[in-house]
């Protein structure tokens, strides 16, 4: 357990960072399945289906940033788009969901496409 002095030197708590990462991963997995269902119902095929996924996954990251991260991060005088206060790296925050939810997206995309088009 870190001491009070260690928290003053490095105020980022590893347990909190892990919790934030897990919450973001759960959100990305859930939205990937929802986006897959939407793409299947819309009948998207090939590149348009993957473009749909990438655009809406990045939109989800932007919305999560503007609602949850930006208000407190900007008040603490951190640079814009800096997520290091709450997550391990900015790269993980912005692009982590692209590969984490891809399998679930493809699964629900093909399922709903087959249900609607059959």
Protein backbone atom coordinates (compact mmCIF):
# COMPACT_ATOMS: atom_id res chain seq x y z
CA UNK A 1 0.00 0.00 0.00
CA UNK A 2 1.50 3.36 -1.02
CA UNK A 3 2.19 5.88 1.71
CA UNK A 4 0.88 9.44 1.89
CA UNK A 5 4.25 10.77 0.74
CA UNK A 6 4.17 8.56 -2.36
CA UNK A 7 0.67 9.84 -3.19
CA UNK A 8 1.96 13.41 -2.96
CA UNK A 9 4.87 12.65 -5.27
CA UNK A 10 2.81 10.63 -7.75
CA UNK A 11 -0.92 11.32 -7.21
CA UNK A 12 -2.04 8.71 -9.75
CA UNK A 13 -3.37 5.63 -7.98
CA UNK A 14 -2.76 2.42 -10.00
CA UNK A 15 -5.99 0.82 -8.77
CA UNK A 16 -8.00 3.78 -10.05
CA UNK A 17 -6.25 3.69 -13.42
CA UNK A 18 -7.04 -0.03 -13.72
CA UNK A 19 -10.69 0.63 -12.79
CA UNK A 20 -10.97 3.40 -15.38
CA UNK A 21 -9.42 1.19 -18.05
CA UNK A 22 -11.81 -1.65 -17.22
CA UNK A 23 -14.84 0.67 -17.31
CA UNK A 24 -13.76 2.06 -20.70
CA UNK A 25 -13.18 -1.47 -22.04
CA UNK A 26 -16.66 -2.54 -20.91
CA UNK A 27 -18.18 0.50 -22.61
CA UNK A 28 -16.30 -0.19 -25.83
CA UNK A 29 -17.30 -3.85 -25.87
CA UNK A 30 -20.97 -3.00 -25.29
CA UNK A 31 -21.05 -0.29 -27.93
CA UNK A 32 -19.24 -2.54 -30.42
CA UNK A 33 -22.07 -5.07 -30.13
CA UNK A 34 -24.68 -2.33 -30.49
CA UNK A 35 -22.89 -0.93 -33.54
CA UNK A 36 -22.71 -4.44 -35.01
CA UNK A 37 -26.45 -4.86 -34.62
CA UNK A 38 -27.01 -1.46 -36.24
CA UNK A 39 -24.70 -2.27 -39.16
CA UNK A 40 -26.45 -5.61 -39.71
CA UNK A 41 -29.91 -4.05 -39.64
CA UNK A 42 -28.78 -1.33 -42.05
CA UNK A 43 -27.42 -4.04 -44.37
CA UNK A 44 -23.90 -2.65 -44.54
CA UNK A 45 -21.38 -4.79 -46.38
CA UNK A 46 -17.61 -4.90 -46.77
CA UNK A 47 -15.70 -1.65 -46.31
CA UNK A 48 -18.74 0.41 -45.42
CA UNK A 49 -19.41 -1.86 -42.43
CA UNK A 50 -15.83 -1.55 -41.16
CA UNK A 51 -15.82 2.21 -41.75
CA UNK A 52 -19.07 2.41 -39.77
CA UNK A 53 -17.36 0.59 -36.88
CA UNK A 54 -14.22 2.74 -36.90
CA UNK A 55 -16.12 6.03 -37.10
CA UNK A 56 -18.55 5.20 -34.31
CA UNK A 57 -15.84 3.71 -32.08
CA UNK A 58 -13.84 6.91 -32.35
CA UNK A 59 -17.03 8.90 -31.76
CA UNK A 60 -17.62 6.89 -28.59
CA UNK A 61 -14.09 7.72 -27.40
CA UNK A 62 -14.63 11.43 -28.12
CA UNK A 63 -17.96 11.46 -26.27
CA UNK A 64 -16.46 9.62 -23.29
CA UNK A 65 -13.59 12.10 -23.25
CA UNK A 66 -15.83 15.19 -23.41
CA UNK A 67 -18.28 13.93 -20.78
CA UNK A 68 -16.02 12.16 -18.26
CA UNK A 69 -12.37 13.14 -18.74
CA UNK A 70 -12.17 16.66 -20.14
CA UNK A 71 -14.08 18.61 -17.47
CA UNK A 72 -11.79 17.62 -14.60
CA UNK A 73 -8.63 17.33 -16.69
CA UNK A 74 -8.93 20.82 -18.14
CA UNK A 75 -9.73 22.30 -14.73
CA UNK A 76 -6.44 20.83 -13.47
CA UNK A 77 -4.57 22.69 -16.27
CA UNK A 78 -3.64 19.57 -18.23
CA UNK A 79 -3.21 19.86 -22.01
CA UNK A 80 -6.22 19.15 -24.19
CA UNK A 81 -6.65 15.46 -25.12
CA UNK A 82 -4.32 14.43 -22.28
CA UNK A 83 -5.71 11.35 -20.58
CA UNK A 84 -2.62 10.36 -18.59
CA UNK A 85 -4.27 11.44 -15.35
CA UNK A 86 -6.92 8.71 -15.65
CA UNK A 87 -5.49 6.12 -18.09
CA UNK A 88 -2.10 4.52 -18.74
CA UNK A 89 -1.59 6.25 -22.08
CA UNK A 90 -3.44 8.46 -24.50
CA UNK A 91 -2.89 5.91 -27.27
CA UNK A 92 -4.64 3.22 -25.24
CA UNK A 93 -7.57 5.54 -24.55
CA UNK A 94 -8.12 6.69 -28.13
CA UNK A 95 -7.42 3.47 -30.05
CA UNK A 96 -7.80 0.66 -27.49
CA UNK A 97 -11.43 0.07 -28.39
CA UNK A 98 -10.73 -0.48 -32.07
CA UNK A 99 -9.31 -3.96 -31.55
CA UNK A 100 -11.01 -4.84 -28.25
CA UNK A 101 -14.53 -4.75 -29.66
CA UNK A 102 -13.85 -5.85 -33.23
CA UNK A 103 -14.70 -9.53 -32.69
CA UNK A 104 -17.99 -8.69 -30.96
CA UNK A 105 -18.81 -6.19 -33.68
CA UNK A 106 -18.25 -8.71 -36.47
CA UNK A 107 -20.23 -11.37 -34.61
CA UNK A 108 -23.31 -9.20 -34.09
CA UNK A 109 -22.94 -7.58 -37.51
CA UNK A 110 -23.11 -10.92 -39.31
CA UNK A 111 -25.84 -12.23 -37.01
CA UNK A 112 -28.19 -9.30 -37.57
CA UNK A 113 -27.32 -9.10 -41.26
CA UNK A 114 -28.29 -12.75 -41.62
CA UNK A 115 -31.50 -12.29 -39.62
CA UNK A 116 -32.63 -9.26 -41.60
CA UNK A 117 -31.59 -10.46 -45.06
CA UNK A 118 -32.77 -14.08 -44.66
